[in-house]
Amino acid sequence: MRPRGVSGEAVARRRAQRFGILAEALCRFILRLKGYRILASRLRTKVGEIDILAERGRTLAIVEVKARPTERAAREAVTNVQWRRLQRAALWVQRGNAHLAQHRLRFDLFAVAHWRVPRHIQNVWIADHNI
């Protein structure tokens, strides 16, 4: 039962938002278990938002988390336009942080499907050097 005056669409949107927040928390936990240091989460820059910014060694992982009903839907949810926006945000972060400037950028995706272990896909997108 939903509160009076709240549409079914609003309830579904809130539920999806909560699922996304939980998915990001789970992905951060998994990354820590893999030896990553989480530098930021839901990092907003003037050129875009990075879901998870993580570091391991000299690699700076730009991690996009997509929570969808199926893993395939999660993988297909990120467009090239979004990856380029993430690249611009990553470069913006590197330029503003001297200790990250020499790190190798890597773009990863966590595909989170209902009732499945999240799948960490490393190097899912190759950066465009023309940006």
Protein backbone atom coordinates (compact mmCIF):
# COMPACT_ATOMS: atom_id res chain seq x y z
CA MET A 1 0.00 0.00 0.00
CA ARG A 2 1.36 3.40 -0.91
CA PRO A 3 0.75 6.74 0.79
CA ARG A 4 -2.15 8.80 -0.47
CA GLY A 5 -1.17 11.18 -3.26
CA VAL A 6 1.96 9.24 -4.25
CA SER A 7 1.89 7.73 -7.72
CA GLY A 8 2.92 4.18 -8.46
CA GLU A 9 5.64 5.61 -10.68
CA ALA A 10 7.09 7.63 -7.79
CA VAL A 11 7.11 4.53 -5.56
CA ALA A 12 8.86 2.50 -8.27
CA ARG A 13 11.42 5.27 -8.79
CA ARG A 14 12.16 5.40 -5.05
CA ARG A 15 12.49 1.61 -4.91
CA ALA A 16 14.91 1.63 -7.86
CA GLN A 17 16.91 4.43 -6.24
CA ARG A 18 17.20 2.46 -2.98
CA PHE A 19 18.27 -0.64 -4.92
CA GLY A 20 20.93 1.43 -6.71
CA ILE A 21 22.29 2.83 -3.44
CA LEU A 22 22.48 -0.67 -1.93
CA ALA A 23 24.14 -1.98 -5.09
CA GLU A 24 26.82 0.73 -4.89
CA ALA A 25 27.50 -0.10 -1.23
CA LEU A 26 27.86 -3.79 -2.08
CA CYS A 27 30.20 -2.98 -4.97
CA ARG A 28 32.39 -0.80 -2.72
CA PHE A 29 32.60 -3.70 -0.26
CA ILE A 30 33.62 -6.12 -3.03
CA LEU A 31 36.25 -3.70 -4.31
CA ARG A 32 37.73 -3.38 -0.80
CA LEU A 33 37.91 -7.18 -0.58
CA LYS A 34 39.83 -7.13 -3.89
CA GLY A 35 42.38 -4.71 -2.44
CA TYR A 36 41.09 -1.41 -3.80
CA ARG A 37 41.07 1.78 -1.80
CA ILE A 38 37.82 3.68 -2.27
CA LEU A 39 38.67 7.33 -2.87
CA ALA A 40 35.15 8.59 -3.49
CA SER A 41 31.60 7.47 -4.01
CA ARG A 42 28.95 9.35 -5.97
CA LEU A 43 31.58 11.94 -6.79
CA ARG A 44 30.03 14.92 -8.54
CA THR A 45 32.27 16.99 -10.75
CA LYS A 46 31.36 19.88 -13.00
CA VAL A 47 31.53 17.52 -16.00
CA GLY A 48 29.81 14.41 -14.64
CA GLU A 49 29.30 12.03 -11.72
CA ILE A 50 31.49 9.03 -10.94
CA ASP A 51 29.74 6.24 -9.01
CA ILE A 52 32.93 4.86 -7.45
CA LEU A 53 36.49 6.17 -7.71
CA ALA A 54 38.90 3.47 -6.55
CA GLU A 55 42.66 3.06 -6.48
CA ARG A 56 44.83 -0.04 -6.50
CA GLY A 57 48.52 0.44 -7.07
CA ARG A 58 48.98 2.94 -9.90
CA THR A 59 45.55 2.25 -11.40
CA LEU A 60 42.65 4.61 -10.94
CA ALA A 61 39.42 2.70 -11.54
CA ILE A 62 36.41 4.69 -12.65
CA VAL A 63 33.57 2.37 -11.74
CA GLU A 64 30.04 2.69 -13.07
CA VAL A 65 27.43 0.67 -11.17
CA LYS A 66 24.31 -0.39 -13.02
CA ALA A 67 21.57 -2.20 -11.14
CA ARG A 68 19.00 -3.77 -13.43
CA PRO A 69 16.71 -6.82 -13.40
CA THR A 70 19.26 -8.78 -15.47
CA GLU A 71 23.02 -8.61 -15.91
CA ARG A 72 22.61 -8.13 -19.64
CA ALA A 73 20.32 -5.13 -19.10
CA ALA A 74 22.89 -3.67 -16.70
CA ARG A 75 25.71 -4.08 -19.25
CA GLU A 76 23.63 -2.52 -22.01
CA ALA A 77 22.51 0.43 -19.87
CA VAL A 78 25.74 2.43 -20.31
CA THR A 79 26.12 4.25 -23.62
CA ASN A 80 29.30 5.53 -25.25
CA VAL A 81 28.11 9.07 -24.48
CA GLN A 82 28.03 8.17 -20.78
CA TRP A 83 31.50 6.58 -20.94
CA ARG A 84 32.89 9.74 -22.56
CA ARG A 85 31.28 11.84 -19.83
CA LEU A 86 32.91 9.57 -17.24
CA GLN A 87 36.24 9.99 -19.02
CA ARG A 88 35.94 13.77 -18.84
CA ALA A 89 35.08 13.53 -15.14
CA ALA A 90 38.07 11.23 -14.53
CA LEU A 91 40.44 13.59 -16.32
CA TRP A 92 39.02 16.48 -14.30
CA VAL A 93 39.74 14.54 -11.08
CA GLN A 94 43.28 13.70 -12.22
CA ARG A 95 44.06 17.30 -13.11
CA GLY A 96 42.93 18.46 -9.69
CA ASN A 97 44.88 15.84 -7.73
CA ALA A 98 48.63 15.73 -8.31
CA HIS A 99 49.03 12.30 -6.67
CA LEU A 100 46.54 10.79 -9.17
CA ALA A 101 47.93 12.50 -12.27
CA GLN A 102 50.28 9.63 -13.15
CA HIS A 103 47.78 6.85 -12.47
CA ARG A 104 46.55 4.73 -15.35
CA LEU A 105 42.82 5.23 -15.92
CA ARG A 106 40.64 2.16 -16.19
CA PHE A 107 36.90 2.16 -16.78
CA ASP A 108 35.02 -0.65 -15.06
CA LEU A 109 31.40 -1.68 -14.80
CA PHE A 110 29.63 -3.47 -12.00
CA ALA A 111 26.58 -5.22 -13.43
CA VAL A 112 24.19 -5.83 -10.56
CA ALA A 113 21.19 -8.05 -11.25
CA HIS A 114 18.48 -8.95 -8.76
CA TRP A 115 19.44 -11.92 -6.56
CA ARG A 116 22.82 -12.39 -8.29
CA VAL A 117 26.38 -11.74 -7.19
CA PRO A 118 27.47 -8.42 -8.78
CA ARG A 119 29.80 -8.91 -11.75
CA HIS A 120 32.88 -6.70 -11.88
CA ILE A 121 33.87 -6.19 -15.51
CA GLN A 122 37.27 -4.52 -15.71
CA ASN A 123 38.39 -2.36 -18.61
CA VAL A 124 34.93 -2.48 -20.13
CA TRP A 125 35.52 0.71 -22.10
CA ILE A 126 38.72 2.00 -23.71
CA ALA A 127 39.27 5.72 -23.27
CA ASP A 128 39.08 8.02 -26.26
CA HIS A 129 42.36 9.93 -26.37
CA ASN A 130 40.79 12.75 -28.40
CA ILE A 131 38.89 14.16 -25.45
